[in-house]
N, C-alpha and C. Protein backbone atom coordinates (compact mmCIF):
# COMPACT_ATOMS: atom_id res chain seq x y z
N MET A 1 -7.49 5.13 -2.14
CA MET A 1 -6.46 4.51 -2.96
C MET A 1 -5.73 5.56 -3.80
N ILE A 2 -6.46 6.56 -4.29
CA ILE A 2 -5.84 7.61 -5.11
C ILE A 2 -4.88 8.43 -4.24
N ARG A 3 -5.30 8.73 -3.01
CA ARG A 3 -4.42 9.47 -2.11
C ARG A 3 -3.16 8.67 -1.81
N GLU A 4 -3.32 7.39 -1.59
CA GLU A 4 -2.17 6.51 -1.33
C GLU A 4 -1.24 6.48 -2.53
N PHE A 5 -1.81 6.46 -3.73
CA PHE A 5 -1.00 6.48 -4.95
C PHE A 5 -0.14 7.74 -5.02
N PHE A 6 -0.75 8.90 -4.79
CA PHE A 6 0.01 10.14 -4.86
C PHE A 6 1.04 10.24 -3.74
N SER A 7 0.69 9.75 -2.55
CA SER A 7 1.67 9.72 -1.47
C SER A 7 2.86 8.85 -1.85
N ALA A 8 2.59 7.67 -2.37
CA ALA A 8 3.66 6.76 -2.77
C ALA A 8 4.47 7.33 -3.92
N PHE A 9 3.80 8.03 -4.81
CA PHE A 9 4.51 8.61 -5.94
C PHE A 9 5.50 9.67 -5.46
N PHE A 10 5.02 10.61 -4.64
CA PHE A 10 5.88 11.72 -4.22
C PHE A 10 6.85 11.35 -3.10
N LEU A 11 6.50 10.37 -2.27
CA LEU A 11 7.38 10.02 -1.16
C LEU A 11 8.26 8.81 -1.42
N ALA A 12 7.98 8.06 -2.49
CA ALA A 12 8.81 6.88 -2.80
C ALA A 12 9.37 6.96 -4.22
N ALA A 13 8.50 7.06 -5.21
CA ALA A 13 8.96 7.00 -6.60
C ALA A 13 9.89 8.16 -6.95
N VAL A 14 9.50 9.37 -6.62
CA VAL A 14 10.31 10.53 -6.99
C VAL A 14 11.67 10.51 -6.29
N PRO A 15 11.73 10.35 -4.96
CA PRO A 15 13.06 10.33 -4.32
C PRO A 15 13.95 9.18 -4.80
N VAL A 16 13.38 8.01 -4.97
CA VAL A 16 14.18 6.87 -5.43
C VAL A 16 14.64 7.11 -6.87
N GLY A 17 13.77 7.65 -7.71
CA GLY A 17 14.15 7.93 -9.09
C GLY A 17 15.24 8.98 -9.18
N VAL A 18 15.11 10.04 -8.42
CA VAL A 18 16.13 11.09 -8.43
C VAL A 18 17.45 10.54 -7.90
N ALA A 19 17.39 9.77 -6.82
CA ALA A 19 18.61 9.19 -6.26
C ALA A 19 19.27 8.22 -7.25
N ALA A 20 18.46 7.40 -7.92
CA ALA A 20 19.02 6.46 -8.90
C ALA A 20 19.71 7.21 -10.03
N TYR A 21 19.05 8.24 -10.53
CA TYR A 21 19.65 9.03 -11.60
C TYR A 21 20.97 9.65 -11.14
N LEU A 22 20.95 10.29 -9.97
CA LEU A 22 22.15 10.96 -9.47
C LEU A 22 23.29 9.98 -9.21
N MET A 23 22.97 8.81 -8.66
CA MET A 23 24.02 7.82 -8.38
C MET A 23 24.65 7.32 -9.67
N VAL A 24 23.84 7.03 -10.67
CA VAL A 24 24.37 6.53 -11.94
C VAL A 24 25.09 7.64 -12.68
N TRP A 25 24.51 8.84 -12.68
CA TRP A 25 25.16 9.97 -13.33
C TRP A 25 26.54 10.23 -12.72
N TRP A 26 26.62 10.22 -11.38
CA TRP A 26 27.89 10.45 -10.69
C TRP A 26 28.90 9.34 -11.03
N ALA A 27 28.44 8.11 -11.04
CA ALA A 27 29.33 6.99 -11.36
C ALA A 27 29.84 7.09 -12.80
N LEU A 28 28.96 7.47 -13.73
CA LEU A 28 29.38 7.63 -15.13
C LEU A 28 30.36 8.80 -15.25
N ARG A 29 30.05 9.88 -14.59
CA ARG A 29 30.89 11.08 -14.66
C ARG A 29 32.30 10.81 -14.14
N ASN A 30 32.41 9.95 -13.12
CA ASN A 30 33.70 9.67 -12.50
C ASN A 30 34.35 8.40 -13.02
N GLY A 31 33.78 7.81 -14.06
CA GLY A 31 34.39 6.65 -14.70
C GLY A 31 34.31 5.36 -13.91
N HIS A 32 33.37 5.25 -12.97
CA HIS A 32 33.26 4.03 -12.17
C HIS A 32 32.59 2.88 -12.93
N LEU A 33 31.92 3.19 -14.03
CA LEU A 33 31.16 2.15 -14.73
C LEU A 33 31.85 1.62 -15.97
N GLY A 34 33.09 1.95 -16.14
CA GLY A 34 33.84 1.42 -17.27
C GLY A 34 33.20 1.75 -18.60
N ALA A 35 33.01 0.73 -19.43
CA ALA A 35 32.50 0.92 -20.79
C ALA A 35 31.00 0.64 -20.88
N ALA A 36 30.24 1.01 -19.87
CA ALA A 36 28.79 0.79 -19.90
C ALA A 36 28.17 1.56 -21.06
N LYS A 37 27.37 0.88 -21.86
CA LYS A 37 26.74 1.49 -23.04
C LYS A 37 25.23 1.57 -22.95
N ASN A 38 24.63 0.75 -22.04
CA ASN A 38 23.17 0.74 -21.93
C ASN A 38 22.77 0.35 -20.51
N LEU A 39 21.48 0.23 -20.29
CA LEU A 39 20.97 -0.06 -18.95
C LEU A 39 21.46 -1.40 -18.43
N ASN A 40 21.51 -2.41 -19.28
CA ASN A 40 22.01 -3.72 -18.83
C ASN A 40 23.47 -3.63 -18.41
N ASP A 41 24.27 -2.88 -19.17
CA ASP A 41 25.68 -2.70 -18.82
C ASP A 41 25.82 -1.97 -17.48
N ILE A 42 24.99 -0.95 -17.28
CA ILE A 42 25.03 -0.18 -16.04
C ILE A 42 24.73 -1.08 -14.85
N GLU A 43 23.65 -1.86 -14.95
CA GLU A 43 23.28 -2.76 -13.85
C GLU A 43 24.33 -3.84 -13.64
N SER A 44 24.90 -4.35 -14.71
CA SER A 44 25.96 -5.35 -14.60
C SER A 44 27.19 -4.78 -13.91
N GLU A 45 27.55 -3.56 -14.28
CA GLU A 45 28.71 -2.91 -13.66
C GLU A 45 28.49 -2.68 -12.17
N PHE A 46 27.29 -2.25 -11.79
CA PHE A 46 27.04 -2.06 -10.37
C PHE A 46 27.03 -3.39 -9.63
N GLY A 47 26.53 -4.44 -10.26
CA GLY A 47 26.60 -5.76 -9.65
C GLY A 47 28.04 -6.22 -9.47
N ARG A 48 28.86 -5.96 -10.48
CA ARG A 48 30.27 -6.33 -10.39
C ARG A 48 30.96 -5.51 -9.30
N LEU A 49 30.69 -4.22 -9.27
CA LEU A 49 31.31 -3.35 -8.28
C LEU A 49 30.89 -3.73 -6.86
N ALA A 50 29.64 -4.15 -6.69
CA ALA A 50 29.16 -4.53 -5.36
C ALA A 50 29.90 -5.76 -4.84
N LYS A 51 30.38 -6.61 -5.74
CA LYS A 51 31.11 -7.82 -5.33
C LYS A 51 32.62 -7.59 -5.26
N ASP A 52 33.11 -6.52 -5.86
CA ASP A 52 34.54 -6.23 -5.93
C ASP A 52 34.98 -5.48 -4.68
N LYS A 53 35.79 -6.13 -3.86
CA LYS A 53 36.23 -5.52 -2.60
C LYS A 53 37.08 -4.28 -2.83
N GLU A 54 37.88 -4.26 -3.88
CA GLU A 54 38.70 -3.09 -4.18
C GLU A 54 37.83 -1.91 -4.60
N ALA A 55 36.77 -2.17 -5.35
CA ALA A 55 35.88 -1.10 -5.79
C ALA A 55 35.17 -0.47 -4.60
N LYS A 56 34.88 -1.28 -3.58
CA LYS A 56 34.21 -0.76 -2.40
C LYS A 56 35.13 0.17 -1.61
N LYS A 57 36.43 0.01 -1.79
CA LYS A 57 37.39 0.86 -1.07
C LYS A 57 37.67 2.16 -1.80
N SER A 58 37.42 2.18 -3.10
CA SER A 58 37.71 3.38 -3.88
C SER A 58 36.42 4.16 -4.13
N GLY A 59 36.57 5.30 -4.73
CA GLY A 59 35.40 6.11 -5.05
C GLY A 59 34.95 6.93 -3.86
N ASP A 60 33.78 7.51 -4.00
CA ASP A 60 33.28 8.40 -2.96
C ASP A 60 32.51 7.61 -1.90
N PRO A 61 32.34 8.18 -0.71
CA PRO A 61 31.70 7.45 0.39
C PRO A 61 30.25 7.05 0.12
N VAL A 62 29.51 7.85 -0.64
CA VAL A 62 28.11 7.53 -0.90
C VAL A 62 28.01 6.28 -1.78
N HIS A 63 28.82 6.21 -2.83
CA HIS A 63 28.82 5.02 -3.69
C HIS A 63 29.34 3.80 -2.94
N ARG A 64 30.34 4.00 -2.09
CA ARG A 64 30.84 2.87 -1.29
C ARG A 64 29.74 2.32 -0.40
N LYS A 65 28.96 3.21 0.21
CA LYS A 65 27.88 2.75 1.09
C LYS A 65 26.81 2.03 0.28
N TRP A 66 26.47 2.58 -0.90
CA TRP A 66 25.48 1.94 -1.77
C TRP A 66 25.96 0.54 -2.16
N LEU A 67 27.21 0.44 -2.57
CA LEU A 67 27.76 -0.85 -2.94
C LEU A 67 27.83 -1.78 -1.73
N GLY A 68 28.11 -1.21 -0.56
CA GLY A 68 28.13 -2.01 0.67
C GLY A 68 26.78 -2.60 0.98
N PHE A 69 25.72 -1.91 0.59
CA PHE A 69 24.37 -2.42 0.77
C PHE A 69 23.95 -3.35 -0.37
N GLY A 70 24.84 -3.60 -1.31
CA GLY A 70 24.56 -4.53 -2.39
C GLY A 70 24.32 -3.89 -3.74
N GLY A 71 24.26 -2.56 -3.80
CA GLY A 71 24.01 -1.88 -5.07
C GLY A 71 22.58 -2.12 -5.53
N GLY A 72 22.27 -1.68 -6.72
CA GLY A 72 20.96 -1.89 -7.30
C GLY A 72 19.83 -1.24 -6.52
N PHE A 73 18.61 -1.69 -6.79
CA PHE A 73 17.42 -1.12 -6.16
C PHE A 73 17.45 -1.32 -4.65
N TYR A 74 17.71 -2.54 -4.21
CA TYR A 74 17.68 -2.83 -2.77
C TYR A 74 18.71 -1.97 -2.04
N GLY A 75 19.91 -1.90 -2.58
CA GLY A 75 20.97 -1.11 -1.94
C GLY A 75 20.66 0.38 -1.92
N LEU A 76 20.04 0.87 -2.99
CA LEU A 76 19.70 2.29 -3.05
C LEU A 76 18.63 2.64 -2.02
N VAL A 77 17.61 1.81 -1.90
CA VAL A 77 16.57 2.08 -0.91
C VAL A 77 17.14 1.92 0.50
N ALA A 78 18.05 0.99 0.69
CA ALA A 78 18.71 0.87 1.99
C ALA A 78 19.50 2.13 2.32
N LEU A 79 20.21 2.67 1.34
CA LEU A 79 20.96 3.91 1.53
C LEU A 79 20.03 5.07 1.86
N LEU A 80 18.94 5.19 1.12
CA LEU A 80 17.97 6.26 1.39
C LEU A 80 17.32 6.09 2.76
N THR A 81 17.09 4.85 3.15
CA THR A 81 16.52 4.59 4.48
C THR A 81 17.50 5.02 5.56
N LEU A 82 18.78 4.72 5.38
CA LEU A 82 19.79 5.12 6.35
C LEU A 82 19.85 6.64 6.46
N VAL A 83 19.81 7.33 5.33
CA VAL A 83 19.82 8.79 5.35
C VAL A 83 18.58 9.32 6.07
N HIS A 84 17.42 8.73 5.80
CA HIS A 84 16.17 9.13 6.45
C HIS A 84 16.27 8.96 7.96
N ILE A 85 16.76 7.83 8.42
CA ILE A 85 16.88 7.56 9.86
C ILE A 85 17.87 8.53 10.50
N GLU A 86 19.03 8.69 9.87
CA GLU A 86 20.07 9.55 10.45
C GLU A 86 19.62 11.01 10.51
N LEU A 87 18.99 11.50 9.45
CA LEU A 87 18.51 12.89 9.46
C LEU A 87 17.45 13.10 10.54
N GLY A 88 16.59 12.10 10.73
CA GLY A 88 15.60 12.18 11.80
C GLY A 88 16.24 12.25 13.17
N GLU A 89 17.29 11.46 13.37
CA GLU A 89 17.97 11.48 14.66
C GLU A 89 18.73 12.79 14.88
N ILE A 90 19.31 13.33 13.81
CA ILE A 90 19.99 14.62 13.93
C ILE A 90 18.98 15.71 14.29
N ALA A 91 17.83 15.69 13.64
CA ALA A 91 16.79 16.68 13.94
C ALA A 91 16.32 16.55 15.39
N ASP A 92 16.13 15.32 15.86
CA ASP A 92 15.74 15.11 17.25
C ASP A 92 16.81 15.62 18.21
N PHE A 93 18.07 15.34 17.89
CA PHE A 93 19.18 15.78 18.73
C PHE A 93 19.21 17.30 18.81
N LEU A 94 19.12 17.96 17.67
CA LEU A 94 19.15 19.42 17.66
C LEU A 94 17.93 20.02 18.35
N GLY A 95 16.80 19.36 18.25
CA GLY A 95 15.59 19.83 18.92
C GLY A 95 15.69 19.72 20.44
N ASP A 96 16.42 18.71 20.91
CA ASP A 96 16.58 18.51 22.36
C ASP A 96 17.71 19.35 22.94
N LEU A 97 18.53 19.92 22.09
CA LEU A 97 19.68 20.69 22.54
C LEU A 97 19.21 22.02 23.13
N GLU A 98 19.62 22.27 24.36
CA GLU A 98 19.17 23.49 25.03
C GLU A 98 20.22 24.59 25.03
N GLY A 99 21.42 24.29 24.62
CA GLY A 99 22.47 25.30 24.58
C GLY A 99 23.84 24.66 24.57
N LEU A 100 24.85 25.49 24.61
CA LEU A 100 26.22 24.99 24.56
C LEU A 100 26.57 24.19 25.81
N GLU A 101 25.96 24.52 26.94
CA GLU A 101 26.23 23.76 28.16
C GLU A 101 25.78 22.31 27.99
N THR A 102 24.63 22.11 27.39
CA THR A 102 24.12 20.76 27.14
C THR A 102 25.03 20.01 26.19
N LEU A 103 25.49 20.68 25.14
CA LEU A 103 26.39 20.05 24.18
C LEU A 103 27.70 19.66 24.83
N ALA A 104 28.25 20.53 25.66
CA ALA A 104 29.51 20.23 26.34
C ALA A 104 29.34 19.05 27.29
N GLY A 105 28.18 18.94 27.92
CA GLY A 105 27.91 17.82 28.82
C GLY A 105 27.76 16.49 28.12
N LEU A 106 27.48 16.52 26.82
CA LEU A 106 27.29 15.28 26.06
C LEU A 106 28.60 14.64 25.62
N ILE A 107 29.68 15.39 25.66
CA ILE A 107 30.96 14.87 25.18
C ILE A 107 31.54 13.97 26.26
N SER A 108 31.40 12.66 26.04
CA SER A 108 31.92 11.66 26.99
C SER A 108 32.10 10.34 26.27
N ILE A 109 32.74 9.42 26.94
CA ILE A 109 32.92 8.06 26.38
C ILE A 109 31.56 7.41 26.19
N ASN A 110 30.67 7.60 27.15
CA ASN A 110 29.33 7.03 27.07
C ASN A 110 28.61 7.51 25.81
N THR A 111 28.73 8.79 25.49
CA THR A 111 28.10 9.35 24.30
C THR A 111 28.68 8.73 23.04
N LEU A 112 30.00 8.57 23.00
CA LEU A 112 30.64 7.96 21.83
C LEU A 112 30.20 6.51 21.64
N VAL A 113 30.09 5.77 22.73
CA VAL A 113 29.62 4.38 22.66
C VAL A 113 28.18 4.35 22.16
N ASN A 114 27.34 5.24 22.69
CA ASN A 114 25.95 5.31 22.25
C ASN A 114 25.83 5.64 20.77
N ILE A 115 26.65 6.56 20.30
CA ILE A 115 26.64 6.92 18.88
C ILE A 115 27.03 5.72 18.03
N PHE A 116 28.05 4.98 18.46
CA PHE A 116 28.49 3.79 17.73
C PHE A 116 27.38 2.74 17.68
N VAL A 117 26.75 2.50 18.82
CA VAL A 117 25.67 1.50 18.88
C VAL A 117 24.49 1.94 18.00
N GLU A 118 24.12 3.22 18.06
CA GLU A 118 23.01 3.71 17.24
C GLU A 118 23.34 3.63 15.76
N THR A 119 24.59 3.88 15.40
CA THR A 119 24.99 3.76 13.99
C THR A 119 24.83 2.32 13.51
N LEU A 120 25.24 1.37 14.34
CA LEU A 120 25.05 -0.04 13.98
C LEU A 120 23.57 -0.39 13.86
N GLN A 121 22.76 0.09 14.79
CA GLN A 121 21.33 -0.18 14.74
C GLN A 121 20.70 0.45 13.49
N ASN A 122 21.10 1.67 13.18
CA ASN A 122 20.55 2.34 11.99
C ASN A 122 20.96 1.62 10.71
N THR A 123 22.19 1.13 10.67
CA THR A 123 22.64 0.38 9.50
C THR A 123 21.85 -0.91 9.35
N LEU A 124 21.60 -1.58 10.46
CA LEU A 124 20.80 -2.80 10.42
C LEU A 124 19.37 -2.49 9.94
N MET A 125 18.80 -1.43 10.46
CA MET A 125 17.44 -1.05 10.03
C MET A 125 17.43 -0.72 8.54
N ALA A 126 18.49 -0.09 8.06
CA ALA A 126 18.56 0.22 6.63
C ALA A 126 18.64 -1.06 5.81
N LEU A 127 19.37 -2.04 6.30
CA LEU A 127 19.50 -3.31 5.57
C LEU A 127 18.17 -4.06 5.51
N ILE A 128 17.36 -3.91 6.53
CA ILE A 128 16.04 -4.58 6.52
C ILE A 128 14.95 -3.53 6.30
N TRP A 129 15.22 -2.66 5.31
CA TRP A 129 14.32 -1.53 5.05
C TRP A 129 12.87 -1.90 4.82
N PRO A 130 12.52 -3.03 4.22
CA PRO A 130 11.07 -3.29 4.06
C PRO A 130 10.34 -3.31 5.41
N PHE A 131 10.98 -3.89 6.43
CA PHE A 131 10.35 -3.94 7.75
C PHE A 131 10.30 -2.55 8.40
N TYR A 132 11.34 -1.77 8.16
CA TYR A 132 11.37 -0.41 8.71
C TYR A 132 10.22 0.41 8.16
N TRP A 133 10.06 0.40 6.84
CA TRP A 133 9.02 1.23 6.23
C TRP A 133 7.62 0.71 6.54
N LEU A 134 7.46 -0.60 6.58
CA LEU A 134 6.14 -1.14 6.94
C LEU A 134 5.78 -0.78 8.37
N GLY A 135 6.78 -0.81 9.26
CA GLY A 135 6.53 -0.49 10.66
C GLY A 135 6.33 0.99 10.90
N SER A 136 7.05 1.83 10.18
CA SER A 136 6.96 3.27 10.45
C SER A 136 5.79 3.93 9.73
N ARG A 137 5.40 3.42 8.62
CA ARG A 137 4.32 4.04 7.85
C ARG A 137 2.97 3.37 8.06
N GLY A 138 2.99 2.12 8.52
CA GLY A 138 1.74 1.40 8.65
C GLY A 138 0.99 1.34 7.32
N MET A 139 1.71 1.04 6.27
CA MET A 139 1.15 1.08 4.92
C MET A 139 0.14 -0.04 4.70
N HIS A 140 -0.99 0.36 4.19
CA HIS A 140 -2.01 -0.63 3.85
C HIS A 140 -1.80 -1.17 2.45
N HIS A 141 -1.13 -0.42 1.62
CA HIS A 141 -0.90 -0.81 0.24
C HIS A 141 0.61 -0.88 -0.03
N ALA A 142 1.28 -1.74 0.71
CA ALA A 142 2.74 -1.84 0.60
C ALA A 142 3.17 -2.19 -0.82
N TRP A 143 2.40 -3.00 -1.50
CA TRP A 143 2.74 -3.39 -2.87
C TRP A 143 2.79 -2.17 -3.77
N LEU A 144 1.89 -1.20 -3.55
CA LEU A 144 1.86 0.01 -4.36
C LEU A 144 3.12 0.84 -4.12
N TRP A 145 3.50 0.99 -2.86
CA TRP A 145 4.70 1.75 -2.52
C TRP A 145 5.94 1.10 -3.12
N LEU A 146 6.01 -0.22 -3.02
CA LEU A 146 7.16 -0.94 -3.56
C LEU A 146 7.20 -0.83 -5.09
N ALA A 147 6.05 -1.00 -5.72
CA ALA A 147 6.00 -0.91 -7.18
C ALA A 147 6.38 0.48 -7.68
N LEU A 148 5.87 1.51 -7.01
CA LEU A 148 6.19 2.87 -7.44
C LEU A 148 7.65 3.22 -7.13
N ALA A 149 8.17 2.73 -6.02
CA ALA A 149 9.59 2.98 -5.72
C ALA A 149 10.46 2.33 -6.79
N TYR A 150 10.11 1.09 -7.19
CA TYR A 150 10.89 0.43 -8.23
C TYR A 150 10.72 1.13 -9.58
N ALA A 151 9.52 1.61 -9.85
CA ALA A 151 9.30 2.36 -11.09
C ALA A 151 10.14 3.64 -11.10
N GLY A 152 10.26 4.29 -9.95
CA GLY A 152 11.11 5.46 -9.85
C GLY A 152 12.57 5.11 -10.08
N TYR A 153 13.01 4.00 -9.50
CA TYR A 153 14.38 3.52 -9.69
C TYR A 153 14.65 3.25 -11.17
N TRP A 154 13.75 2.51 -11.78
CA TRP A 154 13.92 2.16 -13.19
C TRP A 154 13.92 3.42 -14.06
N SER A 155 13.05 4.38 -13.74
CA SER A 155 13.00 5.63 -14.51
C SER A 155 14.29 6.41 -14.36
N GLY A 156 14.84 6.45 -13.15
CA GLY A 156 16.12 7.13 -12.94
C GLY A 156 17.24 6.49 -13.73
N LEU A 157 17.25 5.15 -13.77
CA LEU A 157 18.26 4.45 -14.57
C LEU A 157 18.09 4.71 -16.06
N LYS A 158 16.83 4.71 -16.51
CA LYS A 158 16.58 4.97 -17.94
C LYS A 158 17.00 6.39 -18.31
N LEU A 159 16.76 7.33 -17.44
CA LEU A 159 17.17 8.71 -17.70
C LEU A 159 18.70 8.81 -17.75
N ALA A 160 19.37 8.12 -16.85
CA ALA A 160 20.84 8.10 -16.86
C ALA A 160 21.35 7.40 -18.12
N GLU A 161 20.66 6.32 -18.52
CA GLU A 161 21.04 5.63 -19.76
C GLU A 161 20.89 6.57 -20.95
N HIS A 162 19.81 7.32 -20.98
CA HIS A 162 19.59 8.28 -22.06
C HIS A 162 20.71 9.31 -22.09
N ARG A 163 21.10 9.77 -20.93
CA ARG A 163 22.20 10.74 -20.86
C ARG A 163 23.49 10.11 -21.36
N LEU A 164 23.69 8.82 -21.07
CA LEU A 164 24.87 8.11 -21.55
C LEU A 164 24.87 8.01 -23.07
N ILE A 165 23.70 7.76 -23.64
CA ILE A 165 23.60 7.61 -25.09
C ILE A 165 23.80 8.95 -25.80
N VAL A 166 23.37 10.03 -25.15
CA VAL A 166 23.48 11.35 -25.76
C VAL A 166 24.89 11.89 -25.54
N GLN A 167 25.85 11.19 -26.10
CA GLN A 167 27.24 11.63 -26.02
C GLN A 167 27.74 11.92 -27.43
N ALA A 168 28.68 12.80 -27.49
CA ALA A 168 29.29 13.08 -28.80
C ALA A 168 29.93 11.79 -29.30
N PRO A 169 29.79 11.46 -30.57
CA PRO A 169 30.25 10.19 -31.10
C PRO A 169 31.74 9.92 -30.90
N ASP A 170 32.57 10.91 -31.01
CA ASP A 170 34.01 10.67 -30.93
C ASP A 170 34.65 11.33 -29.72
N SER A 171 33.86 11.64 -28.71
CA SER A 171 34.46 12.25 -27.53
C SER A 171 33.72 11.77 -26.29
N ASP A 172 34.27 12.13 -25.13
CA ASP A 172 33.66 11.75 -23.87
C ASP A 172 32.76 12.85 -23.32
N GLU A 173 32.59 13.93 -24.04
CA GLU A 173 31.77 15.03 -23.56
C GLU A 173 30.31 14.79 -23.90
N THR A 174 29.44 15.13 -22.97
CA THR A 174 28.02 14.99 -23.22
C THR A 174 27.54 16.20 -24.03
N LEU A 175 26.45 15.98 -24.74
CA LEU A 175 25.90 17.05 -25.57
C LEU A 175 24.96 17.95 -24.79
N ASP A 176 24.46 17.48 -23.66
CA ASP A 176 23.53 18.31 -22.90
C ASP A 176 24.31 19.27 -22.01
N PRO A 177 23.67 20.38 -21.60
CA PRO A 177 24.39 21.40 -20.84
C PRO A 177 24.83 20.97 -19.48
């Protein structure tokens, strides 16, 4: 159980926490969260943005994808799952590549169709991430992984909230370096 705890901490809580912090920090830095003053405001703004079709069209592609997955904890883990799947497929592709001749032979309509179909499949797997992770990890303590991932998410949001609070009183500049 202790080994499972540390695995879940380093493989779920830390990445989700870092991603949550970075996503909120980036959104605050780029003014996507309006007048958010605390954690509740941040979560409310992301909920609003996830429902706002215009907001999904603006901003950077990573935030658009997160909002497309619904925002919040579920959307963030879906985004991280998609990145995990895609990076694994890229690594497999590069590992199977034998040279430039092989790469040149892959450029065809069939390859483009396969890439499109795999992208749809990967997006679907990301949307149903609980089943993906349960199937790929064979976790015996899924509740622990989920709890630690959510704790990481919450910690990342709290850290971003703290950064939001640590602002100069009469300016938009942060006090930290």
